[in-house]
Amino acid sequence: MSILITGGTGFIGSHTVVELIEAGETPIIVDNLSNSKEIVLDRIKTITGICPKFYKVDLCDMTALDAVFAENPEIESVIHFAGLKAVGESVSLPLQYYYNNIVSTLNLCECMKKYGVKNLVFSSSATVYGTPAEIPIKETTLLGQTTNPYGETKKMIERILTDVYKPNPDWSISLLRYFNPIGAHKSGLMGEDPCGIPNNLLPYVSKVAEGQLPILHVHGNDYPTPDGTGVRDYIHVVDLAQAHLKALTRARKVTGVEIYNIGTGRGYSVLEVVKAYESATGRKVKYEIGPRRPGDVAECYADATKAYEVLGWKAQYDIADMCRDADRWQRQNPRGYES
């Protein structure tokens, strides 16, 4: 049997593909390569010895997606990563985000139903909590008003999948609410390779440390946090990938819709991450304070107790590991996958 991985050449998807292969699973990747590169497949093969089957397909193209399912009747589960994901960009391009993220998921569910695929692990986000009503955030924390279109698409998709389950009670749907994935594969062969200027903190920090960017722009130092900069729960991408394997294992055994926070349970401010990077790598990171970024919240970190108690999953890597692995990736691949 095979597992369809949408967005499987992306940052989180590619690391999950490696973990799946090493666990003896057979992933099939679907990706439109809008924010990733096909050379990732070569890196996956170098690490695992196996090159997974790949389709360059946009999930918004229903005909092309249907053909993937038709050609691979052995697909029995889906891990759904595909989607636009930059908070700031979503504020500027709301229509693009709503169309892409919602339509792609609707098409995926239609194909799953048509071909009898009933297990789904969905890449959701802690942004669904909006400005959180409590810290640390529990799965039972009430969902607030999301602060950006990206978060709203994740919230809407969670509702769609919950409603899909009601008339299809033999489905198993896991909603994984990620916090902030960073780091890279320990080999240095795979990591985060954003197109253009990075939207996420650690790739930006790495490029400043490498001298590719002149300075890190810190978005605000007037938040109600210990040093005034935003606090987030950073999680190693390999830990996050392992969480998908745990969720998939459970999805094969039970039915229903289950929600899990996937984080470390520890928040770090932007300046704490900068200091941790400098300490772990011995490289300086020049930064300057600027205005707040639209759509950001002050503080966001997880209570991941449920993932440990139900899935048997717990983050294994600390912030120093995350910084060292990200730095290794950046040094070995100064131009990303084009290096």
C-alpha atoms as a PDB file:
ATOM      1  CA  MET A   1       0.000   0.000   0.000  1.00  0.00           C
ATOM      2  CA  SER A   2       1.079   3.580  -0.657  1.00  0.00           C
ATOM      3  CA  ILE A   3       0.735   6.954   1.015  1.00  0.00           C
ATOM      4  CA  LEU A   4       0.044  10.042  -1.079  1.00  0.00           C
ATOM      5  CA  ILE A   5       2.076  13.029   0.116  1.00  0.00           C
ATOM      6  CA  THR A   6       0.788  16.341  -1.220  1.00  0.00           C
ATOM      7  CA  GLY A   7       3.446  19.043  -1.131  1.00  0.00           C
ATOM      8  CA  GLY A   8       6.010  16.294  -0.658  1.00  0.00           C
ATOM      9  CA  THR A   9       8.996  18.184  -2.073  1.00  0.00           C
ATOM     10  CA  GLY A  10       8.496  21.075   0.346  1.00  0.00           C
ATOM     11  CA  PHE A  11      10.373  21.641   3.591  1.00  0.00           C
ATOM     12  CA  ILE A  12       8.212  19.580   5.941  1.00  0.00           C
ATOM     13  CA  GLY A  13       6.914  17.210   3.271  1.00  0.00           C
ATOM     14  CA  SER A  14      10.368  16.128   2.100  1.00  0.00           C
ATOM     15  CA  HIS A  15      11.562  15.390   5.630  1.00  0.00           C
ATOM     16  CA  THR A  16       8.409  13.372   6.238  1.00  0.00           C
ATOM     17  CA  VAL A  17       8.991  11.405   3.025  1.00  0.00           C
ATOM     18  CA  VAL A  18      12.466  10.454   4.298  1.00  0.00           C
ATOM     19  CA  GLU A  19      11.054   9.308   7.645  1.00  0.00           C
ATOM     20  CA  LEU A  20       8.332   7.306   5.877  1.00  0.00           C
ATOM     21  CA  ILE A  21      10.798   5.535   3.605  1.00  0.00           C
ATOM     22  CA  GLU A  22      13.087   4.734   6.513  1.00  0.00           C
ATOM     23  CA  ALA A  23      10.055   3.286   8.322  1.00  0.00           C
ATOM     24  CA  GLY A  24       9.369   0.953   5.357  1.00  0.00           C
ATOM     25  CA  GLU A  25       6.455   2.917   3.865  1.00  0.00           C
ATOM     26  CA  THR A  26       5.917   3.701   0.156  1.00  0.00           C
ATOM     27  CA  PRO A  27       5.228   7.406  -0.409  1.00  0.00           C
ATOM     28  CA  ILE A  28       3.943   8.898  -3.661  1.00  0.00           C
ATOM     29  CA  ILE A  29       4.610  12.630  -3.985  1.00  0.00           C
ATOM     30  CA  VAL A  30       2.338  15.201  -5.625  1.00  0.00           C
ATOM     31  CA  ASP A  31       3.685  18.773  -5.796  1.00  0.00           C
ATOM     32  CA  ASN A  32       3.353  21.682  -8.218  1.00  0.00           C
ATOM     33  CA  LEU A  33       6.881  22.907  -7.324  1.00  0.00           C
ATOM     34  CA  SER A  34       5.615  26.455  -6.715  1.00  0.00           C
ATOM     35  CA  ASN A  35       7.784  26.745  -3.590  1.00  0.00           C
ATOM     36  CA  SER A  36      10.107  23.747  -3.908  1.00  0.00           C
ATOM     37  CA  LYS A  37      12.484  22.102  -6.366  1.00  0.00           C
ATOM     38  CA  GLU A  38      12.487  18.721  -8.082  1.00  0.00           C
ATOM     39  CA  ILE A  39      16.116  18.147  -7.106  1.00  0.00           C
ATOM     40  CA  VAL A  40      14.780  17.360  -3.630  1.00  0.00           C
ATOM     41  CA  LEU A  41      13.968  13.921  -5.032  1.00  0.00           C
ATOM     42  CA  ASP A  42      17.676  13.331  -5.661  1.00  0.00           C
ATOM     43  CA  ARG A  43      18.472  14.315  -2.080  1.00  0.00           C
ATOM     44  CA  ILE A  44      15.810  11.934  -0.777  1.00  0.00           C
ATOM     45  CA  LYS A  45      17.359   9.143  -2.847  1.00  0.00           C
ATOM     46  CA  THR A  46      20.859   9.945  -1.564  1.00  0.00           C
ATOM     47  CA  ILE A  47      19.655   9.736   2.042  1.00  0.00           C
ATOM     48  CA  THR A  48      17.374   6.706   1.750  1.00  0.00           C
ATOM     49  CA  GLY A  49      18.518   4.866  -1.396  1.00  0.00           C
ATOM     50  CA  ILE A  50      14.991   5.161  -2.803  1.00  0.00           C
ATOM     51  CA  CYS A  51      13.531   7.741  -5.173  1.00  0.00           C
ATOM     52  CA  PRO A  52       9.778   7.983  -4.558  1.00  0.00           C
ATOM     53  CA  LYS A  53       7.280   8.198  -7.391  1.00  0.00           C
ATOM     54  CA  PHE A  54       6.628  11.854  -8.212  1.00  0.00           C
ATOM     55  CA  TYR A  55       3.886  13.748 -10.059  1.00  0.00           C
ATOM     56  CA  LYS A  56       4.177  17.432 -10.899  1.00  0.00           C
ATOM     57  CA  VAL A  57       0.518  18.215 -10.317  1.00  0.00           C
ATOM     58  CA  ASP A  58      -1.370  21.186  -8.883  1.00  0.00           C
ATOM     59  CA  LEU A  59      -4.157  20.015  -6.576  1.00  0.00           C
ATOM     60  CA  CYS A  60      -6.382  22.742  -7.992  1.00  0.00           C
ATOM     61  CA  ASP A  61      -6.300  20.804 -11.281  1.00  0.00           C
ATOM     62  CA  MET A  62      -8.951  18.194 -10.552  1.00  0.00           C
ATOM     63  CA  THR A  63      -8.378  16.235 -13.775  1.00  0.00           C
ATOM     64  CA  ALA A  64      -4.655  15.823 -13.109  1.00  0.00           C
ATOM     65  CA  LEU A  65      -5.201  14.894  -9.465  1.00  0.00           C
ATOM     66  CA  ASP A  66      -7.860  12.335 -10.375  1.00  0.00           C
ATOM     67  CA  ALA A  67      -5.388  10.734 -12.794  1.00  0.00           C
ATOM     68  CA  VAL A  68      -2.866  10.257  -9.972  1.00  0.00           C
ATOM     69  CA  PHE A  69      -5.410   8.331  -7.911  1.00  0.00           C
ATOM     70  CA  ALA A  70      -6.538   6.331 -10.939  1.00  0.00           C
ATOM     71  CA  GLU A  71      -2.952   5.293 -11.743  1.00  0.00           C
ATOM     72  CA  ASN A  72      -2.215   4.304  -8.141  1.00  0.00           C
ATOM     73  CA  PRO A  73      -5.133   2.247  -6.781  1.00  0.00           C
ATOM     74  CA  GLU A  74      -2.870   1.083  -3.934  1.00  0.00           C
ATOM     75  CA  ILE A  75      -3.060   4.514  -2.223  1.00  0.00           C
ATOM     76  CA  GLU A  76      -4.589   3.912   1.216  1.00  0.00           C
ATOM     77  CA  SER A  77      -3.686   7.101   3.128  1.00  0.00           C
ATOM     78  CA  VAL A  78      -2.944  10.766   2.454  1.00  0.00           C
ATOM     79  CA  ILE A  79      -0.717  13.260   4.261  1.00  0.00           C
ATOM     80  CA  HIS A  80      -1.767  16.706   3.076  1.00  0.00           C
ATOM     81  CA  PHE A  81       0.961  19.381   3.200  1.00  0.00           C
ATOM     82  CA  ALA A  82       0.245  21.265  -0.026  1.00  0.00           C
ATOM     83  CA  GLY A  83      -0.747  24.899   0.342  1.00  0.00           C
ATOM     84  CA  LEU A  84       0.475  28.473   0.398  1.00  0.00           C
ATOM     85  CA  LYS A  85       1.906  29.200   3.839  1.00  0.00           C
ATOM     86  CA  ALA A  86       3.412  32.677   4.354  1.00  0.00           C
ATOM     87  CA  VAL A  87       1.564  34.745   6.956  1.00  0.00           C
ATOM     88  CA  GLY A  88       2.685  38.135   5.660  1.00  0.00           C
ATOM     89  CA  GLU A  89       2.097  37.247   2.020  1.00  0.00           C
ATOM     90  CA  SER A  90      -1.398  36.020   2.833  1.00  0.00           C
ATOM     91  CA  VAL A  91      -2.294  39.497   4.097  1.00  0.00           C
ATOM     92  CA  SER A  92      -1.207  40.929   0.731  1.00  0.00           C
ATOM     93  CA  LEU A  93      -2.691  38.153  -1.425  1.00  0.00           C
ATOM     94  CA  PRO A  94      -5.831  36.948   0.372  1.00  0.00           C
ATOM     95  CA  LEU A  95      -7.745  35.806  -2.727  1.00  0.00           C
ATOM     96  CA  GLN A  96      -4.821  33.682  -3.897  1.00  0.00           C
ATOM     97  CA  TYR A  97      -4.560  32.025  -0.487  1.00  0.00           C
ATOM     98  CA  TYR A  98      -8.274  31.309  -0.138  1.00  0.00           C
ATOM     99  CA  TYR A  99      -8.536  29.902  -3.647  1.00  0.00           C
ATOM    100  CA  ASN A 100      -5.419  27.758  -3.563  1.00  0.00           C
ATOM    101  CA  ASN A 101      -5.698  26.298  -0.080  1.00  0.00           C
ATOM    102  CA  ILE A 102      -9.445  25.675  -0.037  1.00  0.00           C
ATOM    103  CA  VAL A 103      -9.954  24.436  -3.615  1.00  0.00           C
ATOM    104  CA  SER A 104      -6.970  22.098  -3.424  1.00  0.00           C
ATOM    105  CA  THR A 105      -8.346  20.489  -0.275  1.00  0.00           C
ATOM    106  CA  LEU A 106     -11.852  20.140  -1.711  1.00  0.00           C
ATOM    107  CA  ASN A 107     -10.431  18.424  -4.798  1.00  0.00           C
ATOM    108  CA  LEU A 108      -8.331  16.118  -2.644  1.00  0.00           C
ATOM    109  CA  CYS A 109     -11.331  15.075  -0.544  1.00  0.00           C
ATOM    110  CA  GLU A 110     -13.408  14.445  -3.669  1.00  0.00           C
ATOM    111  CA  CYS A 111     -10.708  12.126  -5.036  1.00  0.00           C
ATOM    112  CA  MET A 112     -10.288  10.352  -1.712  1.00  0.00           C
ATOM    113  CA  LYS A 113     -14.016   9.692  -1.562  1.00  0.00           C
ATOM    114  CA  LYS A 114     -14.155   8.533  -5.189  1.00  0.00           C
ATOM    115  CA  TYR A 115     -11.277   6.071  -4.753  1.00  0.00           C
ATOM    116  CA  GLY A 116     -12.128   4.845  -1.267  1.00  0.00           C
ATOM    117  CA  VAL A 117      -9.163   6.391   0.563  1.00  0.00           C
ATOM    118  CA  LYS A 118     -10.242   7.054   4.146  1.00  0.00           C
ATOM    119  CA  ASN A 119      -7.137   8.010   6.160  1.00  0.00           C
ATOM    120  CA  LEU A 120      -5.983  11.634   6.153  1.00  0.00           C
ATOM    121  CA  VAL A 121      -3.351  13.502   8.152  1.00  0.00           C
ATOM    122  CA  PHE A 122      -3.715  17.249   7.610  1.00  0.00           C
ATOM    123  CA  SER A 123      -1.024  19.885   8.001  1.00  0.00           C
ATOM    124  CA  SER A 124      -2.835  22.485  10.079  1.00  0.00           C
ATOM    125  CA  SER A 125      -1.324  25.310  12.105  1.00  0.00           C
ATOM    126  CA  ALA A 126      -1.311  26.987  15.490  1.00  0.00           C
ATOM    127  CA  THR A 127      -2.499  30.106  13.658  1.00  0.00           C
ATOM    128  CA  VAL A 128      -6.038  28.717  13.974  1.00  0.00           C
ATOM    129  CA  TYR A 129      -5.959  29.850  17.616  1.00  0.00           C
ATOM    130  CA  GLY A 130      -5.618  33.493  16.565  1.00  0.00           C
ATOM    131  CA  THR A 131      -4.575  35.555  19.571  1.00  0.00           C
ATOM    132  CA  PRO A 132      -4.644  32.632  22.018  1.00  0.00           C
ATOM    133  CA  ALA A 133      -6.978  32.779  24.990  1.00  0.00           C
ATOM    134  CA  GLU A 134      -4.466  30.881  27.145  1.00  0.00           C
ATOM    135  CA  ILE A 135      -0.769  30.008  27.194  1.00  0.00           C
ATOM    136  CA  PRO A 136       0.342  27.286  26.800  1.00  0.00           C
ATOM    137  CA  ILE A 137      -2.265  26.462  24.182  1.00  0.00           C
ATOM    138  CA  LYS A 138      -4.277  23.254  24.548  1.00  0.00           C
ATOM    139  CA  GLU A 139      -6.303  21.528  21.841  1.00  0.00           C
ATOM    140  CA  THR A 140      -9.380  22.495  23.853  1.00  0.00           C
ATOM    141  CA  THR A 141      -8.449  26.192  23.794  1.00  0.00           C
ATOM    142  CA  LEU A 142     -11.208  28.119  22.058  1.00  0.00           C
ATOM    143  CA  LEU A 143     -10.296  29.181  18.540  1.00  0.00           C
ATOM    144  CA  GLY A 144     -10.066  32.942  18.410  1.00  0.00           C
ATOM    145  CA  GLN A 145     -10.295  35.393  15.553  1.00  0.00           C
ATOM    146  CA  THR A 146      -7.483  34.468  13.185  1.00  0.00           C
ATOM    147  CA  THR A 147      -5.123  37.343  12.463  1.00  0.00           C
ATOM    148  CA  ASN A 148      -4.325  36.579   8.816  1.00  0.00           C
ATOM    149  CA  PRO A 149      -5.819  34.839   5.739  1.00  0.00           C
ATOM    150  CA  TYR A 150      -3.328  31.966   5.959  1.00  0.00           C
ATOM    151  CA  GLY A 151      -4.575  31.070   9.431  1.00  0.00           C
ATOM    152  CA  GLU A 152      -8.167  31.485   8.323  1.00  0.00           C
ATOM    153  CA  THR A 153      -7.678  28.975   5.481  1.00  0.00           C
ATOM    154  CA  LYS A 154      -6.345  26.430   7.979  1.00  0.00           C
ATOM    155  CA  LYS A 155      -9.303  27.055  10.264  1.00  0.00           C
ATOM    156  CA  MET A 156     -11.761  26.707   7.361  1.00  0.00           C
ATOM    157  CA  ILE A 157     -10.133  23.485   6.168  1.00  0.00           C
ATOM    158  CA  GLU A 158     -10.360  22.014   9.665  1.00  0.00           C
ATOM    159  CA  ARG A 159     -14.095  22.775   9.583  1.00  0.00           C
ATOM    160  CA  ILE A 160     -14.437  21.278   6.089  1.00  0.00           C
ATOM    161  CA  LEU A 161     -12.697  18.053   7.136  1.00  0.00           C
ATOM    162  CA  THR A 162     -14.781  17.811  10.301  1.00  0.00           C
ATOM    163  CA  ASP A 163     -17.929  18.127   8.184  1.00  0.00           C
ATOM    164  CA  VAL A 164     -16.620  15.591   5.648  1.00  0.00           C
ATOM    165  CA  TYR A 165     -16.294  13.055   8.449  1.00  0.00           C
ATOM    166  CA  LYS A 166     -19.934  13.362   9.621  1.00  0.00           C
ATOM    167  CA  PRO A 167     -21.491  11.529   6.627  1.00  0.00           C
ATOM    168  CA  ASN A 168     -18.371   9.352   6.289  1.00  0.00           C
ATOM    169  CA  PRO A 169     -17.887   7.869   9.772  1.00  0.00           C
ATOM    170  CA  ASP A 170     -15.434   5.245   8.482  1.00  0.00           C
ATOM    171  CA  TRP A 171     -12.874   7.999   7.762  1.00  0.00           C
ATOM    172  CA  SER A 172      -9.956   8.788  10.056  1.00  0.00           C
ATOM    173  CA  ILE A 173      -8.764  12.401  10.041  1.00  0.00           C
ATOM    174  CA  SER A 174      -5.878  13.783  12.098  1.00  0.00           C
ATOM    175  CA  LEU A 175      -5.515  17.560  12.322  1.00  0.00           C
ATOM    176  CA  LEU A 176      -1.946  18.391  13.325  1.00  0.00           C
ATOM    177  CA  ARG A 177      -1.632  21.951  14.556  1.00  0.00           C
ATOM    178  CA  TYR A 178       2.039  22.781  13.995  1.00  0.00           C
ATOM    179  CA  PHE A 179       3.855  25.440  15.809  1.00  0.00           C
ATOM    180  CA  ASN A 180       7.090  26.720  14.152  1.00  0.00           C
ATOM    181  CA  PRO A 181       9.205  24.140  12.293  1.00  0.00           C
ATOM    182  CA  ILE A 182      12.895  24.931  11.870  1.00  0.00           C
ATOM    183  CA  GLY A 183      16.168  22.979  11.570  1.00  0.00           C
ATOM    184  CA  ALA A 184      17.192  20.600   8.790  1.00  0.00           C
ATOM    185  CA  HIS A 185      18.127  16.985   8.138  1.00  0.00           C
ATOM    186  CA  LYS A 186      21.267  15.999  10.056  1.00  0.00           C
ATOM    187  CA  SER A 187      23.009  15.067   6.784  1.00  0.00           C
ATOM    188  CA  GLY A 188      22.896  18.683   5.609  1.00  0.00           C
ATOM    189  CA  LEU A 189      21.328  17.450   2.367  1.00  0.00           C
ATOM    190  CA  MET A 190      17.801  18.741   3.024  1.00  0.00           C
ATOM    191  CA  GLY A 191      16.554  21.926   4.610  1.00  0.00           C
ATOM    192  CA  GLU A 192      14.367  24.959   4.144  1.00  0.00           C
ATOM    193  CA  ASP A 193      14.969  26.608   0.764  1.00  0.00           C
ATOM    194  CA  PRO A 194      12.478  29.451   0.363  1.00  0.00           C
ATOM    195  CA  CYS A 195      12.022  31.178  -2.957  1.00  0.00           C
ATOM    196  CA  GLY A 196      13.303  34.747  -2.703  1.00  0.00           C
ATOM    197  CA  ILE A 197      13.618  36.497   0.663  1.00  0.00           C
ATOM    198  CA  PRO A 198      12.755  34.074   3.505  1.00  0.00           C
ATOM    199  CA  ASN A 199       9.452  34.568   5.306  1.00  0.00           C
ATOM    200  CA  ASN A 200      10.448  32.438   8.296  1.00  0.00           C
ATOM    201  CA  LEU A 201      12.896  33.389  11.035  1.00  0.00           C
ATOM    202  CA  LEU A 202      15.651  30.786  10.988  1.00  0.00           C
ATOM    203  CA  PRO A 203      16.360  30.735   7.223  1.00  0.00           C
ATOM    204  CA  TYR A 204      16.663  34.505   7.467  1.00  0.00           C
ATOM    205  CA  VAL A 205      19.003  34.237  10.468  1.00  0.00           C
ATOM    206  CA  SER A 206      21.116  31.652   8.624  1.00  0.00           C
ATOM    207  CA  LYS A 207      21.463  33.822   5.530  1.00  0.00           C
ATOM    208  CA  VAL A 208      22.479  36.834   7.615  1.00  0.00           C
ATOM    209  CA  ALA A 209      25.066  34.723   9.452  1.00  0.00           C
ATOM    210  CA  GLU A 210      26.347  33.470   6.078  1.00  0.00           C
ATOM    211  CA  GLY A 211      26.584  37.029   4.736  1.00  0.00           C
ATOM    212  CA  GLN A 212      23.985  36.523   2.026  1.00  0.00           C
ATOM    213  CA  LEU A 213      21.643  39.053   3.622  1.00  0.00           C
ATOM    214  CA  PRO A 214      22.931  42.185   5.359  1.00  0.00           C
ATOM    215  CA  ILE A 215      20.752  42.271   8.444  1.00  0.00           C
ATOM    216  CA  LEU A 216      17.862  40.560  10.240  1.00  0.00           C
ATOM    217  CA  HIS A 217      14.787  42.751  10.525  1.00  0.00           C
ATOM    218  CA  VAL A 218      13.082  42.020  13.844  1.00  0.00           C
ATOM    219  CA  HIS A 219       9.397  42.830  13.520  1.00  0.00           C
ATOM    220  CA  GLY A 220       8.592  44.704  16.713  1.00  0.00           C
ATOM    221  CA  ASN A 221      10.061  44.860  20.217  1.00  0.00           C
ATOM    222  CA  ASP A 222       7.023  46.266  21.994  1.00  0.00           C
ATOM    223  CA  TYR A 223       5.054  43.052  22.506  1.00  0.00           C
ATOM    224  CA  PRO A 224       4.090  42.066  26.084  1.00  0.00           C
ATOM    225  CA  THR A 225       6.904  39.473  26.242  1.00  0.00           C
ATOM    226  CA  PRO A 226      10.107  39.358  28.357  1.00  0.00           C
ATOM    227  CA  ASP A 227      12.246  41.164  25.763  1.00  0.00           C
ATOM    228  CA  GLY A 228       9.443  42.704  23.688  1.00  0.00           C
ATOM    229  CA  THR A 229       9.947  40.447  20.663  1.00  0.00           C
ATOM    230  CA  GLY A 230       7.485  37.784  19.522  1.00  0.00           C
ATOM    231  CA  VAL A 231       7.599  34.408  21.275  1.00  0.00           C
ATOM    232  CA  ARG A 232       7.059  31.164  19.355  1.00  0.00           C
ATOM    233  CA  ASP A 233       7.311  27.430  19.928  1.00  0.00           C
ATOM    234  CA  TYR A 234      10.071  26.263  17.567  1.00  0.00           C
ATOM    235  CA  ILE A 235      10.165  22.567  16.681  1.00  0.00           C
ATOM    236  CA  HIS A 236      12.758  20.590  14.751  1.00  0.00           C
ATOM    237  CA  VAL A 237      11.437  19.567  11.332  1.00  0.00           C
ATOM    238  CA  VAL A 238      12.502  15.939  11.911  1.00  0.00           C
ATOM    239  CA  ASP A 239      10.499  15.837  15.148  1.00  0.00           C
ATOM    240  CA  LEU A 240       7.554  17.210  13.192  1.00  0.00           C
ATOM    241  CA  ALA A 241       8.006  14.573  10.481  1.00  0.00           C
ATOM    242  CA  GLN A 242       8.010  11.847  13.120  1.00  0.00           C
ATOM    243  CA  ALA A 243       4.706  13.182  14.460  1.00  0.00           C
ATOM    244  CA  HIS A 244       3.125  12.461  11.063  1.00  0.00           C
ATOM    245  CA  LEU A 245       4.229   8.846  11.219  1.00  0.00           C
ATOM    246  CA  LYS A 246       2.680   8.511  14.674  1.00  0.00           C
ATOM    247  CA  ALA A 247      -0.554  10.131  13.482  1.00  0.00           C
ATOM    248  CA  LEU A 248      -0.667   7.871  10.420  1.00  0.00           C
ATOM    249  CA  THR A 249      -0.211   4.766  12.547  1.00  0.00           C
ATOM    250  CA  ARG A 250      -3.147   5.790  14.710  1.00  0.00           C
ATOM    251  CA  ALA A 251      -5.283   6.783  11.711  1.00  0.00           C
ATOM    252  CA  ARG A 252      -5.003   3.226  10.428  1.00  0.00           C
ATOM    253  CA  LYS A 253      -6.465   1.895  13.674  1.00  0.00           C
ATOM    254  CA  VAL A 254      -9.270   4.287  14.605  1.00  0.00           C
ATOM    255  CA  THR A 255     -11.930   6.423  12.956  1.00  0.00           C
ATOM    256  CA  GLY A 256     -12.964   9.963  13.777  1.00  0.00           C
ATOM    257  CA  VAL A 257     -11.476  13.455  13.757  1.00  0.00           C
ATOM    258  CA  GLU A 258      -8.610  13.988  16.190  1.00  0.00           C
ATOM    259  CA  ILE A 259      -6.667  17.189  16.878  1.00  0.00           C
ATOM    260  CA  TYR A 260      -3.081  17.379  18.139  1.00  0.00           C
ATOM    261  CA  ASN A 261      -0.766  20.253  18.971  1.00  0.00           C
ATOM    262  CA  ILE A 262       2.704  19.507  17.619  1.00  0.00           C
ATOM    263  CA  GLY A 263       5.251  21.627  19.464  1.00  0.00           C
ATOM    264  CA  THR A 264       7.858  21.464  22.193  1.00  0.00           C
ATOM    265  CA  GLY A 265       5.879  23.271  24.871  1.00  0.00           C
ATOM    266  CA  ARG A 266       8.621  25.914  25.205  1.00  0.00           C
ATOM    267  CA  GLY A 267       8.479  29.411  23.765  1.00  0.00           C
ATOM    268  CA  TYR A 268      11.511  31.353  22.529  1.00  0.00           C
ATOM    269  CA  SER A 269      11.561  35.026  21.589  1.00  0.00           C
ATOM    270  CA  VAL A 270      13.122  36.220  18.350  1.00  0.00           C
ATOM    271  CA  LEU A 271      16.146  37.561  20.214  1.00  0.00           C
ATOM    272  CA  GLU A 272      16.509  34.331  22.187  1.00  0.00           C
ATOM    273  CA  VAL A 273      16.671  32.422  18.889  1.00  0.00           C
ATOM    274  CA  VAL A 274      19.320  34.823  17.602  1.00  0.00           C
ATOM    275  CA  LYS A 275      21.408  34.285  20.766  1.00  0.00           C
ATOM    276  CA  ALA A 276      20.899  30.508  20.589  1.00  0.00           C
ATOM    277  CA  TYR A 277      22.063  30.504  16.968  1.00  0.00           C
ATOM    278  CA  GLU A 278      25.151  32.528  17.805  1.00  0.00           C
ATOM    279  CA  SER A 279      25.950  30.260  20.750  1.00  0.00           C
ATOM    280  CA  ALA A 280      25.413  27.003  18.833  1.00  0.00           C
ATOM    281  CA  THR A 281      27.322  28.032  15.708  1.00  0.00           C
ATOM    282  CA  GLY A 282      29.830  30.650  16.819  1.00  0.00           C
ATOM    283  CA  ARG A 283      28.585  33.023  14.113  1.00  0.00           C
ATOM    284  CA  LYS A 284      27.254  36.527  14.700  1.00  0.00           C
ATOM    285  CA  VAL A 285      23.840  37.665  13.491  1.00  0.00           C
ATOM    286  CA  LYS A 286      23.390  41.379  12.905  1.00  0.00           C
ATOM    287  CA  TYR A 287      19.838  42.602  13.492  1.00  0.00           C
ATOM    288  CA  GLU A 288      17.769  45.756  13.744  1.00  0.00           C
ATOM    289  CA  ILE A 289      14.374  46.411  15.281  1.00  0.00           C
ATOM    290  CA  GLY A 290      11.571  47.465  12.977  1.00  0.00           C
ATOM    291  CA  PRO A 291       7.781  47.853  13.158  1.00  0.00           C
ATOM    292  CA  ARG A 292       5.437  44.973  13.875  1.00  0.00           C
ATOM    293  CA  ARG A 293       4.442  42.744  10.953  1.00  0.00           C
ATOM    294  CA  PRO A 294       0.721  42.611  10.085  1.00  0.00           C
ATOM    295  CA  GLY A 295      -0.962  39.388  11.231  1.00  0.00           C
ATOM    296  CA  ASP A 296       1.502  38.471  13.989  1.00  0.00           C
ATOM    297  CA  VAL A 297       0.561  37.662  17.593  1.00  0.00           C
ATOM    298  CA  ALA A 298       2.732  38.331  20.651  1.00  0.00           C
ATOM    299  CA  GLU A 299       3.097  34.839  22.063  1.00  0.00           C
ATOM    300  CA  CYS A 300       2.268  31.325  20.927  1.00  0.00           C
ATOM    301  CA  TYR A 301       3.472  28.008  22.332  1.00  0.00           C
ATOM    302  CA  ALA A 302       1.951  24.598  22.836  1.00  0.00           C
ATOM    303  CA  ASP A 303       0.769  22.211  25.447  1.00  0.00           C
ATOM    304  CA  ALA A 304       1.690  19.008  23.575  1.00  0.00           C
ATOM    305  CA  THR A 305       0.601  16.606  26.321  1.00  0.00           C
ATOM    306  CA  LYS A 306      -2.122  14.994  24.202  1.00  0.00           C
ATOM    307  CA  ALA A 307       0.303  14.061  21.404  1.00  0.00           C
ATOM    308  CA  TYR A 308       2.488  12.317  23.983  1.00  0.00           C
ATOM    309  CA  GLU A 309      -0.346  10.527  25.774  1.00  0.00           C
ATOM    310  CA  VAL A 310      -2.290   9.400  22.674  1.00  0.00           C
ATOM    311  CA  LEU A 311       0.285   9.201  19.872  1.00  0.00           C
ATOM    312  CA  GLY A 312       3.336   8.422  21.958  1.00  0.00           C
ATOM    313  CA  TRP A 313       5.118  11.374  20.347  1.00  0.00           C
ATOM    314  CA  LYS A 314       7.392  13.906  22.014  1.00  0.00           C
ATOM    315  CA  ALA A 315       9.916  16.353  20.579  1.00  0.00           C
ATOM    316  CA  GLN A 316      13.484  15.065  20.927  1.00  0.00           C
ATOM    317  CA  TYR A 317      15.560  18.025  19.694  1.00  0.00           C
ATOM    318  CA  ASP A 318      16.268  21.288  21.529  1.00  0.00           C
ATOM    319  CA  ILE A 319      16.859  24.797  20.178  1.00  0.00           C
ATOM    320  CA  ALA A 320      20.638  24.259  19.940  1.00  0.00           C
ATOM    321  CA  ASP A 321      20.093  21.170  17.771  1.00  0.00           C
ATOM    322  CA  MET A 322      17.725  23.123  15.545  1.00  0.00           C
ATOM    323  CA  CYS A 323      20.224  25.959  15.093  1.00  0.00           C
ATOM    324  CA  ARG A 324      23.195  23.666  14.425  1.00  0.00           C
ATOM    325  CA  ASP A 325      21.300  21.632  11.836  1.00  0.00           C
ATOM    326  CA  ALA A 326      19.983  24.755  10.107  1.00  0.00           C
ATOM    327  CA  ASP A 327      23.505  26.196  10.053  1.00  0.00           C
ATOM    328  CA  ARG A 328      24.957  22.977   8.591  1.00  0.00           C
ATOM    329  CA  TRP A 329      22.341  23.045   5.820  1.00  0.00           C
ATOM    330  CA  GLN A 330      23.103  26.697   5.063  1.00  0.00           C
ATOM    331  CA  ARG A 331      26.890  26.212   4.986  1.00  0.00           C
ATOM    332  CA  GLN A 332      26.676  23.127   2.761  1.00  0.00           C
ATOM    333  CA  ASN A 333      24.033  24.676   0.505  1.00  0.00           C
ATOM    334  CA  PRO A 334      24.647  28.443   0.416  1.00  0.00           C
ATOM    335  CA  ARG A 335      22.298  28.803  -2.570  1.00  0.00           C
ATOM    336  CA  GLY A 336      19.834  26.200  -1.346  1.00  0.00           C
ATOM    337  CA  TYR A 337      19.177  23.259  -3.638  1.00  0.00           C
ATOM    338  CA  GLU A 338      20.853  25.105  -6.515  1.00  0.00           C
ATOM    339  CA  SER A 339      24.218  24.792  -4.733  1.00  0.00           C
END
